Amino acid sequence: MSTEVMEAMPLLGGLLGTGGVLVAASRQRELVRRWLSWAGIAVVVCGAVALGEGGLAVLAAGLGVVASFEYAAMAGLRSVDRAVLGLASVAVPFTIWLRPEVLDERAYLVLLLAAVLGPVLTGDTQQGGRRAAYTLFGLFWIPVALGFLVTAATPLALVVAVALADVGGWCGGRLLGKRGPTARKLSPLSPNKTWGGVIGGAVFAGVVLLALDGIGIDGAATLGLWAAVVGGGILGDLVESMVKREAGVKDAGTWLPGFGGLLDRIDSLLFALLLTGVFA
């Protein structure tokens, strides 16, 4: 088992245990469903991190395939476009794991060609440009972003911080989002999100990163990682809200208890991973 997982186990166990007690006391069925999903997610993520880059590549590929198909359905993409997204979701993380030396500027050209190939070959004169643009965006938003998970310096700290920032956003919205300056809406794309939620997410992310660094996960408490987590939470929520609003749907899916679809759960993580390349 990796050092990061061993160091984080007591903290994660404490967080899940405390959350479980509070959720049970609330007697709210939706919160119970969410806690059960969190517990399952924690087991899967810890297992992947413990296996190293190979485990993270498998996790990234699995997340990418499911999220890509949810995204493609919302964007109205055709089967050939979905196939491109699905294949890239597997190819990118496994290439980063097994053959990272082949990933240079040519790899991005391959993604561009893959995005336009379907519309061009099918002679789509009605939606071809839109399909190519949505496919190219999806390739960078999902497979490329998840590729950063394979080589992240502290993958477990990143995932945990994103998850706690989401909880903090909910708490901050409830406590600070009712009145005053912190009640201001963040964006028309997501009317329920307020600056109070942003503050709550930033605080929770900072606290958990400091706690993880304090128990021995070196590199967790860095300003760059904190900025990536906070920025990812904001951008991820707004971008997915934009896609969902255009598609006219409330959630990306319905199969994940308490959360809707997988993309609804990892939207912040995707942008946090992308932003690690900028800040971390």
Protein backbone atom coordinates (compact mmCIF):
# COMPACT_ATOMS: atom_id res chain seq x y z
CA MET A 1 0.00 0.00 0.00
CA SER A 2 1.35 3.44 -0.91
CA THR A 3 2.62 5.74 1.82
CA GLU A 4 0.03 8.35 0.91
CA VAL A 5 -2.86 5.96 1.53
CA MET A 6 -1.40 4.65 4.78
CA GLU A 7 -0.86 8.17 6.11
CA ALA A 8 -4.34 9.32 5.09
CA MET A 9 -6.33 6.32 6.34
CA PRO A 10 -6.91 7.58 9.92
CA LEU A 11 -8.04 11.00 8.69
CA LEU A 12 -10.28 9.56 5.98
CA GLY A 13 -11.75 7.03 8.39
CA GLY A 14 -12.45 9.79 10.89
CA LEU A 15 -14.09 12.00 8.30
CA LEU A 16 -16.28 9.21 6.94
CA GLY A 17 -17.18 8.02 10.43
CA THR A 18 -18.09 11.48 11.66
CA GLY A 19 -20.03 12.16 8.51
CA GLY A 20 -21.88 8.87 8.87
CA VAL A 21 -22.96 9.71 12.42
CA LEU A 22 -24.17 13.18 11.42
CA VAL A 23 -25.99 11.86 8.36
CA ALA A 24 -27.69 9.12 10.37
CA ALA A 25 -28.77 11.68 12.96
CA SER A 26 -30.25 13.90 10.25
CA ARG A 27 -32.53 11.08 9.06
CA GLN A 28 -32.49 12.59 5.59
CA ARG A 29 -32.60 9.86 2.99
CA GLU A 30 -30.80 11.92 0.35
CA LEU A 31 -27.87 12.59 2.68
CA VAL A 32 -27.66 8.90 3.57
CA ARG A 33 -27.49 8.01 -0.13
CA ARG A 34 -24.75 10.56 -0.66
CA TRP A 35 -22.74 9.25 2.29
CA LEU A 36 -22.97 5.70 0.95
CA SER A 37 -21.73 6.92 -2.43
CA TRP A 38 -18.87 8.78 -0.73
CA ALA A 39 -17.89 5.63 1.18
CA GLY A 40 -17.83 3.57 -2.01
CA ILE A 41 -15.86 6.25 -3.85
CA ALA A 42 -13.31 6.40 -1.02
CA VAL A 43 -12.67 2.66 -1.23
CA VAL A 44 -12.21 2.76 -5.02
CA VAL A 45 -9.91 5.81 -4.98
CA CYS A 46 -7.77 4.52 -2.11
CA GLY A 47 -7.41 1.18 -3.87
CA ALA A 48 -6.30 2.85 -7.10
CA VAL A 49 -3.79 5.11 -5.33
CA ALA A 50 -2.41 2.14 -3.42
CA LEU A 51 -1.66 0.35 -6.71
CA GLY A 52 0.39 3.27 -8.02
CA GLU A 53 0.34 4.66 -11.55
CA GLY A 54 -1.17 1.48 -12.98
CA GLY A 55 -4.12 1.64 -10.60
CA LEU A 56 -4.58 5.34 -11.29
CA ALA A 57 -4.52 4.68 -15.04
CA VAL A 58 -7.29 2.10 -14.66
CA LEU A 59 -9.29 4.48 -12.45
CA ALA A 60 -8.82 7.38 -14.90
CA ALA A 61 -9.87 5.21 -17.83
CA GLY A 62 -12.98 3.96 -16.05
CA LEU A 63 -14.02 7.44 -14.97
CA GLY A 64 -13.28 8.80 -18.42
CA VAL A 65 -15.35 6.26 -20.34
CA VAL A 66 -18.44 6.75 -18.16
CA ALA A 67 -18.12 10.55 -17.97
CA SER A 68 -17.49 10.80 -21.72
CA PHE A 69 -20.65 8.92 -22.57
CA GLU A 70 -22.67 11.08 -20.17
CA TYR A 71 -21.19 14.21 -21.73
CA ALA A 72 -21.75 12.96 -25.28
CA ALA A 73 -25.39 12.24 -24.49
CA MET A 74 -25.93 15.76 -23.15
CA ALA A 75 -24.09 17.34 -26.08
CA GLY A 76 -26.11 15.35 -28.61
CA LEU A 77 -23.04 13.78 -30.20
CA ARG A 78 -23.30 10.84 -32.59
CA SER A 79 -22.01 7.32 -32.01
CA VAL A 80 -18.75 7.95 -33.88
CA ASP A 81 -18.02 10.97 -31.68
CA ARG A 82 -18.81 8.95 -28.56
CA ALA A 83 -16.43 6.25 -29.77
CA VAL A 84 -13.66 8.84 -30.16
CA LEU A 85 -14.21 10.10 -26.62
CA GLY A 86 -14.39 6.59 -25.21
CA LEU A 87 -11.23 5.38 -26.95
CA ALA A 88 -9.33 8.50 -25.90
CA SER A 89 -10.47 7.99 -22.32
CA VAL A 90 -8.63 4.66 -22.30
CA ALA A 91 -5.71 5.59 -24.54
CA VAL A 92 -4.62 8.80 -22.79
CA PRO A 93 -4.12 7.52 -19.20
CA PHE A 94 -2.59 4.23 -20.33
CA THR A 95 -0.20 6.05 -22.67
CA ILE A 96 0.82 8.37 -19.84
CA TRP A 97 1.47 5.31 -17.68
CA LEU A 98 3.21 3.05 -20.20
CA ARG A 99 4.68 5.32 -22.89
CA PRO A 100 4.85 8.90 -21.60
CA GLU A 101 7.71 9.72 -23.97
CA VAL A 102 5.36 9.68 -26.98
CA LEU A 103 3.21 12.46 -25.57
CA ASP A 104 4.42 15.61 -27.27
CA GLU A 105 2.77 18.27 -29.44
CA ARG A 106 1.88 15.60 -32.01
CA ALA A 107 -0.46 13.98 -29.52
CA TYR A 108 -2.59 17.12 -29.44
CA LEU A 109 -2.74 17.14 -33.23
CA VAL A 110 -4.04 13.58 -33.09
CA LEU A 111 -6.83 14.74 -30.76
CA LEU A 112 -7.76 17.53 -33.17
CA LEU A 113 -7.84 15.12 -36.10
CA ALA A 114 -9.91 12.64 -34.11
CA ALA A 115 -12.46 15.33 -33.26
CA VAL A 116 -13.02 16.43 -36.85
CA LEU A 117 -12.78 13.03 -38.51
CA GLY A 118 -16.28 11.85 -37.67
CA PRO A 119 -18.17 14.92 -38.92
CA VAL A 120 -16.03 15.09 -42.05
CA LEU A 121 -16.35 11.42 -42.99
CA THR A 122 -20.11 11.45 -42.43
CA GLY A 123 -20.48 14.62 -44.50
CA ASP A 124 -22.42 16.39 -41.75
CA THR A 125 -23.43 19.74 -43.22
CA GLN A 126 -25.93 20.50 -40.46
CA GLN A 127 -24.09 19.91 -37.17
CA GLY A 128 -20.55 19.06 -38.28
CA GLY A 129 -18.83 22.13 -36.85
CA ARG A 130 -20.73 21.90 -33.60
CA ARG A 131 -19.95 18.20 -33.24
CA ALA A 132 -16.24 18.74 -33.91
CA ALA A 133 -16.07 21.59 -31.38
CA TYR A 134 -17.94 19.68 -28.70
CA THR A 135 -15.87 16.57 -29.27
CA LEU A 136 -12.58 18.47 -29.09
CA PHE A 137 -13.68 20.24 -25.92
CA GLY A 138 -14.76 16.92 -24.43
CA LEU A 139 -11.38 15.35 -25.24
CA PHE A 140 -9.53 17.98 -23.23
CA TRP A 141 -12.14 18.27 -20.48
CA ILE A 142 -12.30 14.55 -19.71
CA PRO A 143 -9.53 12.23 -21.05
CA VAL A 144 -6.73 14.81 -21.02
CA ALA A 145 -7.71 16.12 -17.59
CA LEU A 146 -7.91 12.62 -16.10
CA GLY A 147 -4.51 11.87 -17.56
CA PHE A 148 -3.03 14.26 -14.99
CA LEU A 149 -4.34 11.95 -12.27
CA VAL A 150 -1.87 9.24 -13.28
CA THR A 151 1.21 11.34 -12.56
CA ALA A 152 -0.15 13.66 -9.85
CA ALA A 153 2.33 14.19 -7.02
CA THR A 154 -0.35 13.71 -4.36
CA PRO A 155 -3.39 12.19 -6.09
CA LEU A 156 -5.21 11.19 -2.91
CA ALA A 157 -4.75 14.63 -1.35
CA LEU A 158 -6.10 16.23 -4.52
CA VAL A 159 -9.18 14.01 -4.68
CA VAL A 160 -9.93 14.37 -0.96
CA ALA A 161 -9.50 18.15 -1.09
CA VAL A 162 -11.86 18.42 -4.06
CA ALA A 163 -14.45 16.29 -2.25
CA LEU A 164 -14.21 18.31 0.97
CA ALA A 165 -14.31 21.58 -0.97
CA ASP A 166 -17.62 20.40 -2.44
CA VAL A 167 -18.95 19.72 1.07
CA GLY A 168 -17.61 23.10 2.20
CA GLY A 169 -19.35 24.77 -0.72
CA TRP A 170 -22.65 23.28 0.38
CA CYS A 171 -22.11 24.31 4.00
CA GLY A 172 -20.93 27.78 3.03
CA GLY A 173 -23.95 28.26 0.82
CA ARG A 174 -26.29 27.28 3.65
CA LEU A 175 -24.56 29.43 6.28
CA LEU A 176 -23.31 32.43 4.30
CA GLY A 177 -25.47 32.40 1.19
CA LYS A 178 -28.67 33.77 2.68
CA ARG A 179 -27.94 37.48 3.12
CA GLY A 180 -25.23 40.09 2.75
CA PRO A 181 -22.40 40.26 0.19
CA THR A 182 -21.73 36.52 0.41
CA ALA A 183 -25.28 35.84 -0.80
CA ARG A 184 -24.49 37.25 -4.24
CA LYS A 185 -25.01 34.74 -7.03
CA LEU A 186 -21.83 33.40 -8.56
CA SER A 187 -23.14 33.20 -12.13
CA PRO A 188 -26.40 32.92 -14.07
CA LEU A 189 -25.11 29.52 -15.19
CA SER A 190 -25.63 28.18 -11.66
CA PRO A 191 -28.18 30.34 -9.78
CA ASN A 192 -27.95 28.27 -6.58
CA LYS A 193 -24.22 28.89 -6.21
CA THR A 194 -23.20 31.90 -4.11
CA TRP A 195 -19.97 33.53 -3.03
CA GLY A 196 -20.67 32.10 0.41
CA GLY A 197 -20.31 28.67 -1.13
CA VAL A 198 -17.00 29.67 -2.71
CA ILE A 199 -15.70 30.82 0.67
CA GLY A 200 -16.86 27.62 2.35
CA GLY A 201 -15.21 25.47 -0.30
CA ALA A 202 -11.95 27.42 -0.08
CA VAL A 203 -11.85 27.10 3.71
CA PHE A 204 -12.61 23.37 3.75
CA ALA A 205 -10.05 22.70 1.01
CA GLY A 206 -7.38 24.64 2.90
CA VAL A 207 -8.09 22.88 6.19
CA VAL A 208 -8.00 19.37 4.74
CA LEU A 209 -4.81 20.06 2.76
CA LEU A 210 -3.13 21.37 5.91
CA ALA A 211 -4.35 18.33 7.83
CA LEU A 212 -3.04 15.91 5.19
CA ASP A 213 0.31 17.67 5.14
CA GLY A 214 0.39 17.53 8.93
CA ILE A 215 -0.04 13.74 9.00
CA GLY A 216 2.86 13.20 6.63
CA ILE A 217 1.67 13.71 3.04
CA ASP A 218 4.39 16.05 1.84
CA GLY A 219 3.35 18.56 -0.80
CA ALA A 220 -0.34 18.55 0.15
CA ALA A 221 -0.34 22.00 1.75
CA THR A 222 0.88 24.08 -1.17
CA LEU A 223 -0.67 27.28 -2.42
CA GLY A 224 -0.67 25.93 -5.97
CA LEU A 225 -2.63 22.79 -5.08
CA TRP A 226 -5.10 24.79 -3.00
CA ALA A 227 -5.61 27.24 -5.90
CA ALA A 228 -6.15 24.33 -8.31
CA VAL A 229 -8.76 22.77 -6.01
CA VAL A 230 -10.63 26.02 -5.38
CA GLY A 231 -10.47 27.13 -9.01
CA GLY A 232 -11.48 23.67 -10.17
CA GLY A 233 -14.51 23.73 -7.93
CA ILE A 234 -15.70 27.02 -9.38
CA LEU A 235 -14.96 26.31 -13.05
CA GLY A 236 -16.08 22.70 -12.94
CA ASP A 237 -19.49 23.54 -11.56
CA LEU A 238 -20.08 26.42 -13.95
CA VAL A 239 -18.90 24.58 -17.07
CA GLU A 240 -21.03 21.53 -16.38
CA SER A 241 -24.01 23.76 -15.57
CA MET A 242 -23.50 25.47 -18.92
CA VAL A 243 -23.53 22.13 -20.76
CA LYS A 244 -26.54 20.85 -18.81
CA ARG A 245 -28.53 24.04 -19.33
CA GLU A 246 -27.97 23.91 -23.07
CA ALA A 247 -29.01 20.26 -23.04
CA GLY A 248 -32.05 21.02 -20.88
CA VAL A 249 -31.23 18.41 -18.22
CA LYS A 250 -30.84 18.63 -14.44
CA ASP A 251 -28.18 15.93 -14.05
CA ALA A 252 -25.70 14.20 -16.34
CA GLY A 253 -27.15 10.83 -15.32
CA THR A 254 -29.32 9.08 -12.76
CA TRP A 255 -27.38 6.00 -11.68
CA LEU A 256 -25.09 7.39 -8.93
CA PRO A 257 -27.08 7.51 -5.66
CA GLY A 258 -27.41 11.03 -4.31
CA PHE A 259 -25.46 12.68 -7.12
CA GLY A 260 -27.11 11.92 -10.48
CA GLY A 261 -24.37 10.98 -12.91
CA LEU A 262 -20.62 10.50 -12.60
CA LEU A 263 -19.88 13.76 -14.40
CA ASP A 264 -21.94 15.57 -11.76
CA ARG A 265 -19.53 14.15 -9.18
CA ILE A 266 -16.18 14.71 -10.93
CA ASP A 267 -16.75 18.02 -12.74
CA SER A 268 -14.69 19.90 -10.13
CA LEU A 269 -11.97 17.24 -10.12
CA LEU A 270 -11.53 17.51 -13.89
CA PHE A 271 -10.76 21.22 -13.77
CA ALA A 272 -8.70 20.84 -10.61
CA LEU A 273 -6.54 18.33 -12.48
CA LEU A 274 -6.16 20.69 -15.44
CA LEU A 275 -5.29 23.57 -13.14
CA THR A 276 -2.57 21.56 -11.41
CA GLY A 277 -0.66 22.05 -14.65
CA VAL A 278 -0.96 25.81 -14.15
CA PHE A 279 -0.66 26.31 -10.40
CA ALA A 280 0.79 23.18 -8.84
